[in-house]
Amino acid sequence: MSLSPGYGETPIAGEESDSLTPRIRAALGETITKAAVYDLEQAVQADVAIELVNLDKGRYISLLREYDQHRDARELASFIAVKPFGN
């Protein structure tokens, strides 16, 4: 099933719209389309991929193995950087 040419121009509504933070709404403008949200998601994915490639893989694997033993995610969570969206 293919999408019609104007599909990305469809404004988001309902649950999709409600899930956006005020900061993201402001960044995307007044009429937020599916294409705009998709483009933003792709940009975020590209940034995250670069960070993961530069990760200390040896330490990460070690932390994953430790997590498998005790299921305490605190050390693993502190190793993986978390930052507010848009910073």
Protein backbone atom coordinates (compact mmCIF):
# COMPACT_ATOMS: atom_id res chain seq x y z
CA MET A 1 0.00 0.00 0.00
CA SER A 2 1.53 3.31 -1.05
CA LEU A 3 0.85 6.68 0.49
CA SER A 4 -0.73 9.51 -1.43
CA PRO A 5 1.67 12.32 -2.44
CA GLY A 6 0.22 14.79 0.07
CA TYR A 7 0.28 12.43 3.07
CA GLY A 8 3.13 14.22 4.85
CA GLU A 9 1.25 17.50 4.60
CA THR A 10 -1.47 16.12 6.88
CA PRO A 11 -1.63 18.10 10.14
CA ILE A 12 -1.20 16.00 13.25
CA ALA A 13 -4.13 15.79 15.64
CA GLY A 14 -5.36 14.08 18.77
CA GLU A 15 -2.91 11.92 20.66
CA GLU A 16 -0.04 12.78 18.31
CA SER A 17 -0.56 16.47 18.94
CA ASP A 18 -1.09 16.06 22.68
CA SER A 19 2.22 14.23 23.08
CA LEU A 20 4.33 17.17 21.87
CA THR A 21 5.94 19.40 24.49
CA PRO A 22 5.39 23.17 24.29
CA ARG A 23 9.03 23.64 23.29
CA ILE A 24 8.70 21.24 20.35
CA ARG A 25 5.41 22.84 19.31
CA ALA A 26 7.11 26.24 19.23
CA ALA A 27 10.03 24.88 17.20
CA LEU A 28 7.77 23.22 14.62
CA GLY A 29 5.48 26.20 14.11
CA GLU A 30 1.76 26.81 14.15
CA THR A 31 0.60 24.06 11.78
CA ILE A 32 2.49 20.87 12.62
CA THR A 33 2.46 18.26 9.87
CA LYS A 34 3.32 14.57 9.89
CA ALA A 35 6.28 15.36 7.64
CA ALA A 36 7.64 17.95 10.10
CA VAL A 37 7.43 15.48 12.98
CA TYR A 38 9.07 12.76 10.86
CA ASP A 39 11.93 15.10 9.88
CA LEU A 40 12.48 16.00 13.53
CA GLU A 41 12.48 12.32 14.54
CA GLN A 42 15.06 11.55 11.85
CA ALA A 43 17.32 14.39 13.02
CA VAL A 44 17.15 13.16 16.62
CA GLN A 45 17.91 9.60 15.51
CA ALA A 46 20.96 10.83 13.58
CA ASP A 47 22.27 12.68 16.67
CA VAL A 48 21.73 9.66 18.91
CA ALA A 49 23.41 7.32 16.42
CA ILE A 50 26.55 9.47 16.42
CA GLU A 51 26.66 9.46 20.22
CA LEU A 52 26.23 5.67 20.36
CA VAL A 53 29.02 5.09 17.85
CA ASN A 54 31.37 7.07 20.11
CA LEU A 55 30.34 5.13 23.22
CA ASP A 56 32.95 3.23 25.27
CA LYS A 57 31.74 -0.15 24.07
CA GLY A 58 33.85 -2.20 26.48
CA ARG A 59 32.42 -0.41 29.51
CA TYR A 60 28.90 -0.57 28.06
CA ILE A 61 29.10 -4.35 27.54
CA SER A 62 30.47 -4.78 31.05
CA LEU A 63 27.58 -2.78 32.49
CA LEU A 64 25.06 -4.79 30.46
CA ARG A 65 26.52 -8.03 31.82
CA GLU A 66 26.33 -6.71 35.37
CA TYR A 67 22.75 -5.61 34.79
CA ASP A 68 21.87 -9.12 33.58
CA GLN A 69 23.05 -10.44 36.94
CA HIS A 70 21.32 -8.04 39.34
CA ARG A 71 18.71 -6.09 37.29
CA ASP A 72 19.72 -2.80 38.95
CA ALA A 73 19.83 -0.28 36.11
CA ARG A 74 21.32 2.66 38.04
CA GLU A 75 24.93 2.28 36.87
CA LEU A 76 23.88 1.53 33.32
CA ALA A 77 21.51 4.51 33.31
CA SER A 78 24.20 6.85 34.61
CA PHE A 79 26.59 5.65 31.89
CA ILE A 80 24.15 6.36 29.07
CA ALA A 81 23.82 10.13 28.89
CA VAL A 82 20.31 11.47 29.17
CA LYS A 83 19.62 15.02 28.14
CA PRO A 84 16.49 17.09 27.72
CA PHE A 85 15.10 17.07 24.21
CA GLY A 86 16.31 20.01 22.17
CA ASN A 87 19.54 20.67 24.07
